[in-house]
Amino acid sequence: MIRQSFHQELMQLEQELIRMGALVEDQLRRAVRSLTERNLVLARQVIAEDDRVDAMEMDIERRCLTLLALQQPLASDLRVVSTALKIITDLERMADHASDIAKVTVRLNQEPLIKPLVDIPEMARLASSMVRLALNAYIHRSIEEAMTMIRLDDDVDHLYASVFRELLEIMRMRPDTVAQGTYLLFVANYIERVADHATNLGEWVIYMVTGQRKELND
């Protein structure tokens, strides 16, 4: 009965973690869309929802600690709980970055963009895909799905380098663009960090399944 109760609690915890991850993935997409569409209402919604993610993190953390305190998990179950604690930390930081992107939208307001936004939305699309794939790897306990983070993270890094070079060249040629160019560099950096956190999720899934830590960013 105790083991059955433990696994029921564990299933509920995992379902809440998946909901948190889906919300974070959606926040990132909407944050970047708020920038490309210059949608201040959408940006403010993303900023406000950061508190919701924080509350979900605290609730899942409480559930994890309660399981550890009141149950006697086996080694494999202990890895599942400890992995959940690590994953929600990365998810919360991703939500912070989505909120930061939305704040750039608000700060730029309706100011004309110094360049068409092409690479930045593509970076966000890849990063969102990484979050979704990492969550699927968690659900399926799939090392193969977790390993897909490597290629996608490399793709995001290459796009970030391209955006960085292009914006620096624009700012060099047109000093009046430095303020906005800097904000757009921030956005690209926030997305690159989201991809890094998604890669962390993949690493934690591999640890959960195998008991071994594998660096995917090497």
N, C-alpha and C. Protein backbone atom coordinates (compact mmCIF):
# COMPACT_ATOMS: atom_id res chain seq x y z
N MET A 1 0.83 -1.20 0.00
CA MET A 1 0.00 0.00 0.00
C MET A 1 0.86 1.26 0.00
N ILE A 2 1.96 1.22 0.79
CA ILE A 2 2.84 2.38 0.85
C ILE A 2 3.46 2.64 -0.51
N ARG A 3 3.94 1.55 -1.19
CA ARG A 3 4.56 1.70 -2.50
C ARG A 3 3.54 2.21 -3.51
N GLN A 4 2.29 1.71 -3.42
CA GLN A 4 1.26 2.15 -4.35
C GLN A 4 0.99 3.64 -4.16
N SER A 5 0.90 4.07 -2.91
CA SER A 5 0.68 5.49 -2.62
C SER A 5 1.84 6.33 -3.14
N PHE A 6 3.06 5.82 -2.97
CA PHE A 6 4.24 6.55 -3.44
C PHE A 6 4.17 6.76 -4.95
N HIS A 7 3.85 5.71 -5.68
CA HIS A 7 3.83 5.81 -7.14
C HIS A 7 2.68 6.67 -7.64
N GLN A 8 1.58 6.70 -6.92
CA GLN A 8 0.49 7.60 -7.28
C GLN A 8 0.93 9.05 -7.10
N GLU A 9 1.60 9.33 -5.99
CA GLU A 9 2.11 10.68 -5.76
C GLU A 9 3.15 11.06 -6.82
N LEU A 10 3.97 10.09 -7.18
CA LEU A 10 5.01 10.33 -8.18
C LEU A 10 4.38 10.65 -9.54
N MET A 11 3.33 9.94 -9.90
CA MET A 11 2.65 10.21 -11.17
C MET A 11 2.03 11.60 -11.18
N GLN A 12 1.43 12.00 -10.07
CA GLN A 12 0.85 13.34 -9.98
C GLN A 12 1.93 14.41 -10.09
N LEU A 13 3.06 14.16 -9.45
CA LEU A 13 4.19 15.09 -9.51
C LEU A 13 4.67 15.25 -10.95
N GLU A 14 4.82 14.13 -11.64
CA GLU A 14 5.30 14.18 -13.02
C GLU A 14 4.31 14.89 -13.93
N GLN A 15 3.02 14.68 -13.72
CA GLN A 15 2.01 15.36 -14.53
C GLN A 15 2.08 16.87 -14.33
N GLU A 16 2.31 17.29 -13.10
CA GLU A 16 2.42 18.72 -12.82
C GLU A 16 3.68 19.29 -13.45
N LEU A 17 4.77 18.52 -13.44
CA LEU A 17 6.01 18.96 -14.07
C LEU A 17 5.81 19.13 -15.58
N ILE A 18 5.10 18.21 -16.21
CA ILE A 18 4.83 18.31 -17.64
C ILE A 18 3.99 19.54 -17.94
N ARG A 19 3.02 19.83 -17.09
CA ARG A 19 2.21 21.05 -17.28
C ARG A 19 3.07 22.29 -17.17
N MET A 20 3.97 22.29 -16.21
CA MET A 20 4.89 23.43 -16.06
C MET A 20 5.74 23.59 -17.31
N GLY A 21 6.27 22.48 -17.80
CA GLY A 21 7.11 22.55 -19.00
C GLY A 21 6.36 23.05 -20.21
N ALA A 22 5.11 22.60 -20.37
CA ALA A 22 4.30 23.05 -21.51
C ALA A 22 4.03 24.55 -21.41
N LEU A 23 3.80 25.04 -20.20
CA LEU A 23 3.57 26.47 -20.01
C LEU A 23 4.82 27.26 -20.37
N VAL A 24 5.97 26.79 -19.94
CA VAL A 24 7.23 27.48 -20.23
C VAL A 24 7.49 27.51 -21.74
N GLU A 25 7.27 26.38 -22.39
CA GLU A 25 7.45 26.32 -23.85
C GLU A 25 6.54 27.35 -24.53
N ASP A 26 5.29 27.42 -24.10
CA ASP A 26 4.34 28.37 -24.67
C ASP A 26 4.76 29.81 -24.38
N GLN A 27 5.28 30.06 -23.19
CA GLN A 27 5.74 31.41 -22.84
C GLN A 27 6.85 31.88 -23.77
N LEU A 28 7.79 31.00 -24.06
CA LEU A 28 8.88 31.38 -24.94
C LEU A 28 8.35 31.74 -26.32
N ARG A 29 7.47 30.91 -26.87
CA ARG A 29 6.91 31.20 -28.19
C ARG A 29 6.18 32.54 -28.20
N ARG A 30 5.37 32.76 -27.18
CA ARG A 30 4.58 34.00 -27.15
C ARG A 30 5.45 35.22 -26.88
N ALA A 31 6.52 35.05 -26.11
CA ALA A 31 7.42 36.18 -25.85
C ALA A 31 8.06 36.66 -27.14
N VAL A 32 8.56 35.71 -27.93
CA VAL A 32 9.20 36.09 -29.20
C VAL A 32 8.16 36.62 -30.18
N ARG A 33 6.97 36.03 -30.17
CA ARG A 33 5.91 36.54 -31.05
C ARG A 33 5.53 37.96 -30.66
N SER A 34 5.54 38.26 -29.37
CA SER A 34 5.23 39.64 -28.94
C SER A 34 6.23 40.63 -29.51
N LEU A 35 7.49 40.17 -29.66
CA LEU A 35 8.52 41.04 -30.21
C LEU A 35 8.36 41.19 -31.72
N THR A 36 8.15 40.09 -32.42
CA THR A 36 8.06 40.16 -33.88
C THR A 36 6.79 40.89 -34.33
N GLU A 37 5.71 40.75 -33.54
CA GLU A 37 4.44 41.40 -33.88
C GLU A 37 4.26 42.74 -33.18
N ARG A 38 5.23 43.10 -32.34
CA ARG A 38 5.15 44.34 -31.54
C ARG A 38 3.85 44.39 -30.75
N ASN A 39 3.56 43.30 -30.07
CA ASN A 39 2.30 43.13 -29.35
C ASN A 39 2.54 43.32 -27.86
N LEU A 40 2.24 44.53 -27.37
CA LEU A 40 2.50 44.85 -25.97
C LEU A 40 1.57 44.09 -25.02
N VAL A 41 0.34 43.86 -25.44
CA VAL A 41 -0.61 43.11 -24.60
C VAL A 41 -0.08 41.70 -24.36
N LEU A 42 0.36 41.05 -25.42
CA LEU A 42 0.91 39.70 -25.30
C LEU A 42 2.16 39.69 -24.43
N ALA A 43 3.01 40.70 -24.61
CA ALA A 43 4.24 40.78 -23.81
C ALA A 43 3.92 40.88 -22.33
N ARG A 44 2.95 41.70 -21.99
CA ARG A 44 2.60 41.87 -20.57
C ARG A 44 1.96 40.60 -20.00
N GLN A 45 1.26 39.85 -20.83
CA GLN A 45 0.72 38.56 -20.37
C GLN A 45 1.84 37.60 -20.01
N VAL A 46 2.86 37.55 -20.86
CA VAL A 46 4.00 36.66 -20.60
C VAL A 46 4.70 37.06 -19.30
N ILE A 47 4.89 38.36 -19.12
CA ILE A 47 5.55 38.85 -17.91
C ILE A 47 4.74 38.47 -16.67
N ALA A 48 3.42 38.65 -16.74
CA ALA A 48 2.57 38.34 -15.59
C ALA A 48 2.57 36.86 -15.26
N GLU A 49 2.67 36.00 -16.28
CA GLU A 49 2.60 34.56 -16.05
C GLU A 49 3.87 33.99 -15.44
N ASP A 50 4.91 34.79 -15.36
CA ASP A 50 6.13 34.31 -14.71
C ASP A 50 5.85 33.93 -13.26
N ASP A 51 4.95 34.68 -12.61
CA ASP A 51 4.59 34.36 -11.22
C ASP A 51 3.92 32.98 -11.13
N ARG A 52 3.15 32.65 -12.15
CA ARG A 52 2.48 31.34 -12.17
C ARG A 52 3.51 30.21 -12.25
N VAL A 53 4.53 30.40 -13.05
CA VAL A 53 5.59 29.40 -13.15
C VAL A 53 6.32 29.27 -11.82
N ASP A 54 6.60 30.40 -11.19
CA ASP A 54 7.27 30.37 -9.88
C ASP A 54 6.44 29.57 -8.87
N ALA A 55 5.12 29.77 -8.89
CA ALA A 55 4.25 29.05 -7.96
C ALA A 55 4.25 27.55 -8.26
N MET A 56 4.27 27.20 -9.54
CA MET A 56 4.32 25.78 -9.91
C MET A 56 5.62 25.15 -9.45
N GLU A 57 6.72 25.89 -9.61
CA GLU A 57 8.01 25.36 -9.15
C GLU A 57 7.97 25.07 -7.65
N MET A 58 7.44 26.02 -6.88
CA MET A 58 7.38 25.84 -5.43
C MET A 58 6.50 24.66 -5.05
N ASP A 59 5.38 24.48 -5.77
CA ASP A 59 4.47 23.38 -5.46
C ASP A 59 5.13 22.03 -5.75
N ILE A 60 5.80 21.93 -6.91
CA ILE A 60 6.46 20.67 -7.26
C ILE A 60 7.61 20.38 -6.30
N GLU A 61 8.34 21.42 -5.94
CA GLU A 61 9.43 21.23 -4.98
C GLU A 61 8.89 20.71 -3.65
N ARG A 62 7.77 21.27 -3.21
CA ARG A 62 7.16 20.80 -1.96
C ARG A 62 6.75 19.34 -2.07
N ARG A 63 6.16 18.96 -3.20
CA ARG A 63 5.76 17.57 -3.41
C ARG A 63 6.97 16.63 -3.36
N CYS A 64 8.06 17.06 -4.01
CA CYS A 64 9.27 16.24 -4.03
C CYS A 64 9.82 16.03 -2.63
N LEU A 65 9.92 17.12 -1.88
CA LEU A 65 10.49 17.03 -0.54
C LEU A 65 9.60 16.21 0.39
N THR A 66 8.28 16.30 0.19
CA THR A 66 7.36 15.49 0.99
C THR A 66 7.54 14.01 0.69
N LEU A 67 7.69 13.68 -0.59
CA LEU A 67 7.93 12.28 -0.96
C LEU A 67 9.21 11.75 -0.33
N LEU A 68 10.25 12.56 -0.37
CA LEU A 68 11.53 12.13 0.19
C LEU A 68 11.46 11.98 1.71
N ALA A 69 10.68 12.85 2.35
CA ALA A 69 10.62 12.84 3.81
C ALA A 69 9.72 11.72 4.35
N LEU A 70 8.62 11.44 3.65
CA LEU A 70 7.62 10.52 4.19
C LEU A 70 7.70 9.11 3.62
N GLN A 71 8.38 8.95 2.51
CA GLN A 71 8.50 7.63 1.89
C GLN A 71 9.95 7.16 1.97
N GLN A 72 10.17 5.95 1.55
CA GLN A 72 11.53 5.40 1.49
C GLN A 72 11.80 4.94 0.06
N PRO A 73 12.06 5.91 -0.83
CA PRO A 73 12.19 5.56 -2.25
C PRO A 73 13.40 4.67 -2.52
N LEU A 74 13.22 3.76 -3.48
CA LEU A 74 14.34 2.97 -3.97
C LEU A 74 15.28 3.88 -4.74
N ALA A 75 16.47 3.35 -5.06
CA ALA A 75 17.47 4.18 -5.74
C ALA A 75 16.93 4.76 -7.04
N SER A 76 16.24 3.93 -7.82
CA SER A 76 15.70 4.41 -9.10
C SER A 76 14.63 5.48 -8.89
N ASP A 77 13.77 5.28 -7.89
CA ASP A 77 12.75 6.28 -7.59
C ASP A 77 13.37 7.55 -7.04
N LEU A 78 14.43 7.41 -6.28
CA LEU A 78 15.13 8.57 -5.75
C LEU A 78 15.68 9.42 -6.89
N ARG A 79 16.18 8.78 -7.94
CA ARG A 79 16.69 9.52 -9.10
C ARG A 79 15.55 10.26 -9.80
N VAL A 80 14.38 9.65 -9.85
CA VAL A 80 13.24 10.30 -10.49
C VAL A 80 12.88 11.58 -9.74
N VAL A 81 12.84 11.50 -8.42
CA VAL A 81 12.48 12.67 -7.61
C VAL A 81 13.56 13.75 -7.70
N SER A 82 14.81 13.35 -7.57
CA SER A 82 15.90 14.33 -7.63
C SER A 82 15.99 14.96 -9.02
N THR A 83 15.68 14.18 -10.06
CA THR A 83 15.66 14.73 -11.42
C THR A 83 14.56 15.77 -11.56
N ALA A 84 13.41 15.50 -10.99
CA ALA A 84 12.31 16.47 -11.03
C ALA A 84 12.72 17.78 -10.39
N LEU A 85 13.42 17.70 -9.26
CA LEU A 85 13.89 18.92 -8.59
C LEU A 85 14.83 19.72 -9.49
N LYS A 86 15.71 19.03 -10.20
CA LYS A 86 16.65 19.71 -11.10
C LYS A 86 15.92 20.31 -12.30
N ILE A 87 14.99 19.55 -12.86
CA ILE A 87 14.29 20.00 -14.06
C ILE A 87 13.47 21.25 -13.79
N ILE A 88 12.77 21.30 -12.67
CA ILE A 88 11.93 22.48 -12.42
C ILE A 88 12.77 23.73 -12.22
N THR A 89 14.00 23.57 -11.74
CA THR A 89 14.89 24.72 -11.62
C THR A 89 15.24 25.27 -13.00
N ASP A 90 15.56 24.37 -13.93
CA ASP A 90 15.86 24.81 -15.30
C ASP A 90 14.62 25.41 -15.96
N LEU A 91 13.47 24.81 -15.75
CA LEU A 91 12.25 25.35 -16.35
C LEU A 91 11.94 26.75 -15.83
N GLU A 92 12.13 26.96 -14.54
CA GLU A 92 11.86 28.28 -13.96
C GLU A 92 12.79 29.33 -14.56
N ARG A 93 14.04 28.96 -14.79
CA ARG A 93 14.98 29.91 -15.39
C ARG A 93 14.62 30.20 -16.84
N MET A 94 14.13 29.19 -17.56
CA MET A 94 13.65 29.44 -18.92
C MET A 94 12.50 30.45 -18.91
N ALA A 95 11.59 30.29 -17.96
CA ALA A 95 10.46 31.22 -17.86
C ALA A 95 10.95 32.63 -17.58
N ASP A 96 11.98 32.75 -16.76
CA ASP A 96 12.57 34.07 -16.50
C ASP A 96 13.08 34.69 -17.79
N HIS A 97 13.74 33.87 -18.63
CA HIS A 97 14.27 34.39 -19.90
C HIS A 97 13.13 34.79 -20.84
N ALA A 98 12.05 34.02 -20.85
CA ALA A 98 10.89 34.40 -21.67
C ALA A 98 10.33 35.74 -21.21
N SER A 99 10.25 35.91 -19.90
CA SER A 99 9.79 37.19 -19.35
C SER A 99 10.73 38.32 -19.73
N ASP A 100 12.03 38.05 -19.70
CA ASP A 100 13.02 39.07 -20.09
C ASP A 100 12.83 39.49 -21.55
N ILE A 101 12.55 38.53 -22.42
CA ILE A 101 12.30 38.85 -23.83
C ILE A 101 11.07 39.73 -23.96
N ALA A 102 10.01 39.38 -23.23
CA ALA A 102 8.78 40.18 -23.28
C ALA A 102 9.04 41.60 -22.76
N LYS A 103 9.92 41.73 -21.78
CA LYS A 103 10.24 43.07 -21.27
C LYS A 103 10.96 43.91 -22.32
N VAL A 104 11.75 43.26 -23.18
CA VAL A 104 12.39 43.98 -24.29
C VAL A 104 11.31 44.50 -25.24
N THR A 105 10.29 43.68 -25.51
CA THR A 105 9.18 44.13 -26.35
C THR A 105 8.57 45.40 -25.80
N VAL A 106 8.31 45.41 -24.50
CA VAL A 106 7.71 46.58 -23.85
C VAL A 106 8.64 47.77 -23.93
N ARG A 107 9.91 47.54 -23.71
CA ARG A 107 10.87 48.65 -23.71
C ARG A 107 11.01 49.27 -25.11
N LEU A 108 11.04 48.43 -26.13
CA LEU A 108 11.16 48.95 -27.49
C LEU A 108 9.86 49.58 -27.98
N ASN A 109 8.74 49.15 -27.38
CA ASN A 109 7.43 49.67 -27.73
C ASN A 109 7.22 49.56 -29.23
N GLN A 110 6.85 50.64 -29.90
CA GLN A 110 6.60 50.60 -31.35
C GLN A 110 7.78 51.14 -32.15
N GLU A 111 8.94 51.22 -31.53
CA GLU A 111 10.13 51.71 -32.23
C GLU A 111 10.43 50.81 -33.44
N PRO A 112 10.65 51.40 -34.62
CA PRO A 112 10.94 50.58 -35.81
C PRO A 112 12.18 49.71 -35.59
N LEU A 113 12.10 48.47 -36.02
CA LEU A 113 13.22 47.56 -35.84
C LEU A 113 14.35 47.89 -36.81
N ILE A 114 15.58 47.72 -36.36
CA ILE A 114 16.74 48.07 -37.18
C ILE A 114 17.04 47.00 -38.22
N LYS A 115 16.43 45.83 -38.09
CA LYS A 115 16.60 44.76 -39.06
C LYS A 115 15.39 43.82 -38.99
N PRO A 116 15.07 43.16 -40.09
CA PRO A 116 14.00 42.16 -40.03
C PRO A 116 14.40 41.03 -39.08
N LEU A 117 13.44 40.58 -38.28
CA LEU A 117 13.74 39.51 -37.34
C LEU A 117 13.50 38.17 -38.03
N VAL A 118 14.59 37.52 -38.39
CA VAL A 118 14.54 36.22 -39.07
C VAL A 118 15.22 35.16 -38.22
N ASP A 119 16.49 35.38 -37.91
CA ASP A 119 17.26 34.38 -37.15
C ASP A 119 16.77 34.25 -35.72
N ILE A 120 16.36 35.35 -35.10
CA ILE A 120 15.91 35.29 -33.70
C ILE A 120 14.65 34.42 -33.57
N PRO A 121 13.62 34.60 -34.41
CA PRO A 121 12.47 33.67 -34.32
C PRO A 121 12.85 32.22 -34.61
N GLU A 122 13.80 32.01 -35.52
CA GLU A 122 14.24 30.64 -35.80
C GLU A 122 14.96 30.05 -34.59
N MET A 123 15.78 30.85 -33.92
CA MET A 123 16.40 30.39 -32.68
C MET A 123 15.34 29.97 -31.67
N ALA A 124 14.30 30.81 -31.55
CA ALA A 124 13.24 30.51 -30.58
C ALA A 124 12.48 29.25 -30.97
N ARG A 125 12.26 29.05 -32.27
CA ARG A 125 11.57 27.83 -32.72
C ARG A 125 12.37 26.60 -32.33
N LEU A 126 13.68 26.65 -32.55
CA LEU A 126 14.53 25.51 -32.20
C LEU A 126 14.57 25.30 -30.69
N ALA A 127 14.68 26.39 -29.94
CA ALA A 127 14.74 26.27 -28.47
C ALA A 127 13.43 25.69 -27.93
N SER A 128 12.29 26.14 -28.49
CA SER A 128 11.00 25.59 -28.07
C SER A 128 10.91 24.10 -28.38
N SER A 129 11.42 23.73 -29.56
CA SER A 129 11.44 22.31 -29.92
C SER A 129 12.29 21.51 -28.95
N MET A 130 13.40 22.10 -28.51
CA MET A 130 14.27 21.42 -27.56
C MET A 130 13.55 21.17 -26.23
N VAL A 131 12.80 22.18 -25.78
CA VAL A 131 12.05 22.01 -24.53
C VAL A 131 11.04 20.88 -24.67
N ARG A 132 10.32 20.89 -25.80
CA ARG A 132 9.31 19.84 -26.02
C ARG A 132 9.95 18.46 -26.12
N LEU A 133 11.06 18.36 -26.85
CA LEU A 133 11.75 17.07 -26.99
C LEU A 133 12.28 16.58 -25.65
N ALA A 134 12.81 17.51 -24.85
CA ALA A 134 13.33 17.12 -23.54
C ALA A 134 12.22 16.60 -22.64
N LEU A 135 11.05 17.25 -22.70
CA LEU A 135 9.92 16.79 -21.90
C LEU A 135 9.43 15.42 -22.39
N ASN A 136 9.44 15.22 -23.71
CA ASN A 136 9.07 13.91 -24.24
C ASN A 136 10.06 12.84 -23.79
N ALA A 137 11.34 13.20 -23.79
CA ALA A 137 12.36 12.26 -23.31
C ALA A 137 12.11 11.89 -21.85
N TYR A 138 11.68 12.88 -21.07
CA TYR A 138 11.37 12.65 -19.66
C TYR A 138 10.17 11.71 -19.53
N ILE A 139 9.13 11.96 -20.31
CA ILE A 139 7.93 11.12 -20.25
C ILE A 139 8.24 9.69 -20.66
N HIS A 140 9.02 9.55 -21.74
CA HIS A 140 9.29 8.22 -22.30
C HIS A 140 10.51 7.54 -21.68
N ARG A 141 11.21 8.27 -20.80
CA ARG A 141 12.46 7.74 -20.23
C ARG A 141 13.42 7.35 -21.37
N SER A 142 13.54 8.24 -22.35
CA SER A 142 14.24 7.92 -23.59
C SER A 142 15.59 8.62 -23.68
N ILE A 143 16.66 7.84 -23.64
CA ILE A 143 18.00 8.39 -23.82
C ILE A 143 18.16 8.92 -25.24
N GLU A 144 17.60 8.21 -26.23
CA GLU A 144 17.73 8.63 -27.63
C GLU A 144 17.13 10.01 -27.84
N GLU A 145 15.95 10.25 -27.30
CA GLU A 145 15.32 11.56 -27.45
C GLU A 145 16.13 12.63 -26.72
N ALA A 146 16.67 12.29 -25.57
CA ALA A 146 17.50 13.25 -24.83
C ALA A 146 18.74 13.64 -25.62
N MET A 147 19.31 12.69 -26.36
CA MET A 147 20.53 12.95 -27.11
C MET A 147 20.30 13.89 -28.29
N THR A 148 19.05 14.06 -28.72
CA THR A 148 18.79 14.98 -29.83
C THR A 148 19.09 16.42 -29.45
N MET A 149 19.24 16.68 -28.15
CA MET A 149 19.58 18.03 -27.70
C MET A 149 20.90 18.52 -28.29
N ILE A 150 21.83 17.60 -28.53
CA ILE A 150 23.17 17.99 -28.97
C ILE A 150 23.11 18.75 -30.29
N ARG A 151 22.46 18.14 -31.29
CA ARG A 151 22.41 18.76 -32.62
C ARG A 151 21.64 20.07 -32.59
N LEU A 152 20.50 20.07 -31.91
CA LEU A 152 19.68 21.28 -31.87
C LEU A 152 20.38 22.41 -31.14
N ASP A 153 21.09 22.08 -30.06
CA ASP A 153 21.82 23.11 -29.33
C ASP A 153 22.92 23.70 -30.21
N ASP A 154 23.57 22.86 -31.00
CA ASP A 154 24.59 23.37 -31.93
C ASP A 154 23.96 24.31 -32.96
N ASP A 155 22.77 23.96 -33.44
CA ASP A 155 22.08 24.81 -34.41
C ASP A 155 21.76 26.18 -33.80
N VAL A 156 21.29 26.18 -32.56
CA VAL A 156 20.99 27.44 -31.88
C VAL A 156 22.26 28.26 -31.69
N ASP A 157 23.34 27.61 -31.31
CA ASP A 157 24.61 28.31 -31.12
C ASP A 157 25.09 28.96 -32.41
N HIS A 158 24.95 28.26 -33.53
CA HIS A 158 25.38 28.81 -34.82
C HIS A 158 24.54 30.02 -35.20
N LEU A 159 23.23 29.94 -34.98
CA LEU A 159 22.37 31.08 -35.26
C LEU A 159 22.70 32.26 -34.36
N TYR A 160 22.98 31.98 -33.10
CA TYR A 160 23.35 33.05 -32.16
C TYR A 160 24.60 33.76 -32.63
N ALA A 161 25.60 33.00 -33.07
CA ALA A 161 26.83 33.61 -33.57
C ALA A 161 26.55 34.49 -34.78
N SER A 162 25.65 34.05 -35.65
CA SER A 162 25.29 34.82 -36.84
C SER A 162 24.59 36.12 -36.46
N VAL A 163 23.63 36.03 -35.53
CA VAL A 163 22.92 37.22 -35.06
C VAL A 163 23.89 38.20 -34.41
N PHE A 164 24.79 37.67 -33.60
CA PHE A 164 25.76 38.50 -32.90
C PHE A 164 26.61 39.29 -33.89
N ARG A 165 27.14 38.59 -34.91
CA ARG A 165 27.98 39.26 -35.90
C ARG A 165 27.19 40.32 -36.68
N GLU A 166 25.97 39.96 -37.09
CA GLU A 166 25.18 40.89 -37.89
C GLU A 166 24.82 42.15 -37.12
N LEU A 167 24.39 41.97 -35.87
CA LEU A 167 24.01 43.14 -35.07
C LEU A 167 25.21 44.01 -34.75
N LEU A 168 26.35 43.40 -34.46
CA LEU A 168 27.55 44.20 -34.20
C LEU A 168 27.93 45.02 -35.43
N GLU A 169 27.80 44.45 -36.61
CA GLU A 169 28.12 45.17 -37.84
C GLU A 169 27.15 46.33 -38.06
N ILE A 170 25.87 46.09 -37.81
CA ILE A 170 24.88 47.17 -37.94
C ILE A 170 25.19 48.30 -36.98
N MET A 171 25.51 47.96 -35.74
CA MET A 171 25.81 48.99 -34.74
C MET A 171 27.10 49.73 -35.07
N ARG A 172 28.05 49.03 -35.67
CA ARG A 172 29.30 49.68 -36.06
C ARG A 172 29.06 50.69 -37.18
N MET A 173 28.22 50.31 -38.13
CA MET A 173 27.95 51.19 -39.27
C MET A 173 26.98 52.31 -38.93
N ARG A 174 26.09 52.05 -37.97
CA ARG A 174 25.06 53.05 -37.61
C ARG A 174 25.01 53.19 -36.09
N PRO A 175 25.78 54.11 -35.55
CA PRO A 175 25.83 54.28 -34.09
C PRO A 175 24.47 54.56 -33.45
N ASP A 176 23.53 55.11 -34.22
CA ASP A 176 22.21 55.41 -33.67
C ASP A 176 21.40 54.15 -33.35
N THR A 177 21.91 52.99 -33.80
CA THR A 177 21.18 51.73 -33.57
C THR A 177 21.70 50.96 -32.35
N VAL A 178 22.69 51.54 -31.67
CA VAL A 178 23.36 50.79 -30.59
C VAL A 178 22.39 50.36 -29.49
N ALA A 179 21.49 51.26 -29.08
CA ALA A 179 20.58 50.93 -27.98
C ALA A 179 19.70 49.73 -28.34
N GLN A 180 19.01 49.83 -29.50
CA GLN A 180 18.14 48.72 -29.89
C GLN A 180 18.94 47.47 -30.23
N GLY A 181 20.08 47.66 -30.88
CA GLY A 181 20.92 46.50 -31.20
C GLY A 181 21.33 45.73 -29.97
N THR A 182 21.62 46.47 -28.90
CA THR A 182 22.00 45.82 -27.64
C THR A 182 20.84 45.01 -27.07
N TYR A 183 19.63 45.58 -27.13
CA TYR A 183 18.46 44.84 -26.64
C TYR A 183 18.21 43.57 -27.45
N LEU A 184 18.39 43.66 -28.77
CA LEU A 184 18.19 42.47 -29.60
C LEU A 184 19.26 41.42 -29.33
N LEU A 185 20.47 41.88 -29.02
CA LEU A 185 21.52 40.93 -28.60
C LEU A 185 21.12 40.24 -27.30
N PHE A 186 20.52 41.01 -26.39
CA PHE A 186 20.03 40.40 -25.15
C PHE A 186 19.02 39.30 -25.46
N VAL A 187 18.08 39.59 -26.37
CA VAL A 187 17.05 38.61 -26.72
C VAL A 187 17.68 37.33 -27.26
N ALA A 188 18.63 37.49 -28.19
CA ALA A 188 19.30 36.32 -28.75
C ALA A 188 20.02 35.52 -27.66
N ASN A 189 20.62 36.25 -26.73
CA ASN A 189 21.32 35.58 -25.63
C ASN A 189 20.35 34.85 -24.71
N TYR A 190 19.19 35.46 -24.44
CA TYR A 190 18.19 34.79 -23.61
C TYR A 190 17.75 33.47 -24.25
N ILE A 191 17.53 33.50 -25.57
CA ILE A 191 17.10 32.28 -26.26
C ILE A 191 18.20 31.22 -26.22
N GLU A 192 19.43 31.66 -26.42
CA GLU A 192 20.56 30.72 -26.36
C GLU A 192 20.64 30.07 -24.98
N ARG A 193 20.34 30.83 -23.94
CA ARG A 193 20.35 30.27 -22.59
C ARG A 193 19.22 29.27 -22.40
N VAL A 194 18.05 29.57 -22.98
CA VAL A 194 16.94 28.61 -22.92
C VAL A 194 17.37 27.28 -23.52
N ALA A 195 18.05 27.35 -24.67
CA ALA A 195 18.54 26.12 -25.31
C ALA A 195 19.51 25.37 -24.40
N ASP A 196 20.36 26.11 -23.71
CA ASP A 196 21.29 25.47 -22.77
C ASP A 196 20.54 24.78 -21.63
N HIS A 197 19.49 25.45 -21.13
CA HIS A 197 18.70 24.83 -20.06
C HIS A 197 17.96 23.60 -20.57
N ALA A 198 17.49 23.65 -21.82
CA ALA A 198 16.84 22.47 -22.40
C ALA A 198 17.83 21.31 -22.51
N THR A 199 19.08 21.65 -22.85
CA THR A 199 20.12 20.62 -22.90
C THR A 199 20.34 20.03 -21.51
N ASN A 200 20.28 20.88 -20.49
CA ASN A 200 20.37 20.37 -19.12
C ASN A 200 19.27 19.35 -18.83
N LEU A 201 18.06 19.64 -19.32
CA LEU A 201 16.95 18.70 -19.12
C LEU A 201 17.31 17.34 -19.70
N GLY A 202 17.89 17.36 -20.91
CA GLY A 202 18.30 16.10 -21.53
C GLY A 202 19.31 15.35 -20.68
N GLU A 203 20.26 16.10 -20.12
CA GLU A 203 21.27 15.48 -19.26
C GLU A 203 20.63 14.84 -18.03
N TRP A 204 19.63 15.53 -17.46
CA TRP A 204 18.99 15.00 -16.26
C TRP A 204 18.16 13.76 -16.58
N VAL A 205 17.56 13.72 -17.77
CA VAL A 205 16.82 12.53 -18.17
C VAL A 205 17.76 11.33 -18.28
N ILE A 206 18.92 11.55 -18.89
CA ILE A 206 19.90 10.47 -19.02
C ILE A 206 20.34 9.99 -17.63
N TYR A 207 20.55 10.93 -16.72
CA TYR A 207 20.91 10.55 -15.34
C TYR A 207 19.78 9.74 -14.70
N MET A 208 18.55 10.19 -14.89
CA MET A 208 17.41 9.50 -14.29
C MET A 208 17.33 8.04 -14.76
N VAL A 209 17.60 7.83 -16.05
CA VAL A 209 17.48 6.50 -16.64
C VAL A 209 18.67 5.61 -16.29
N THR A 210 19.88 6.19 -16.34
CA THR A 210 21.10 5.37 -16.23
C THR A 210 21.82 5.50 -14.89
N GLY A 211 21.56 6.58 -14.17
CA GLY A 211 22.33 6.84 -12.96
C GLY A 211 23.67 7.48 -13.23
N GLN A 212 23.93 7.81 -14.51
CA GLN A 212 25.20 8.41 -14.90
C GLN A 212 24.97 9.81 -15.47
N ARG A 213 25.84 10.76 -15.11
CA ARG A 213 25.77 12.10 -15.68
C ARG A 213 26.53 12.13 -17.00
N LYS A 214 25.90 12.69 -18.02
CA LYS A 214 26.54 12.84 -19.33
C LYS A 214 26.41 14.28 -19.77
N GLU A 215 27.55 14.93 -20.04
CA GLU A 215 27.53 16.31 -20.50
C GLU A 215 27.19 16.33 -21.99
N LEU A 216 26.11 17.04 -22.34
CA LEU A 216 25.71 17.13 -23.74
C LEU A 216 26.22 18.39 -24.41
N ASN A 217 26.84 19.28 -23.64
CA ASN A 217 27.33 20.54 -24.20
C ASN A 217 28.79 20.48 -24.60
N ASP A 218 29.43 19.32 -24.44
CA ASP A 218 30.86 19.20 -24.76
C ASP A 218 31.10 19.40 -26.26
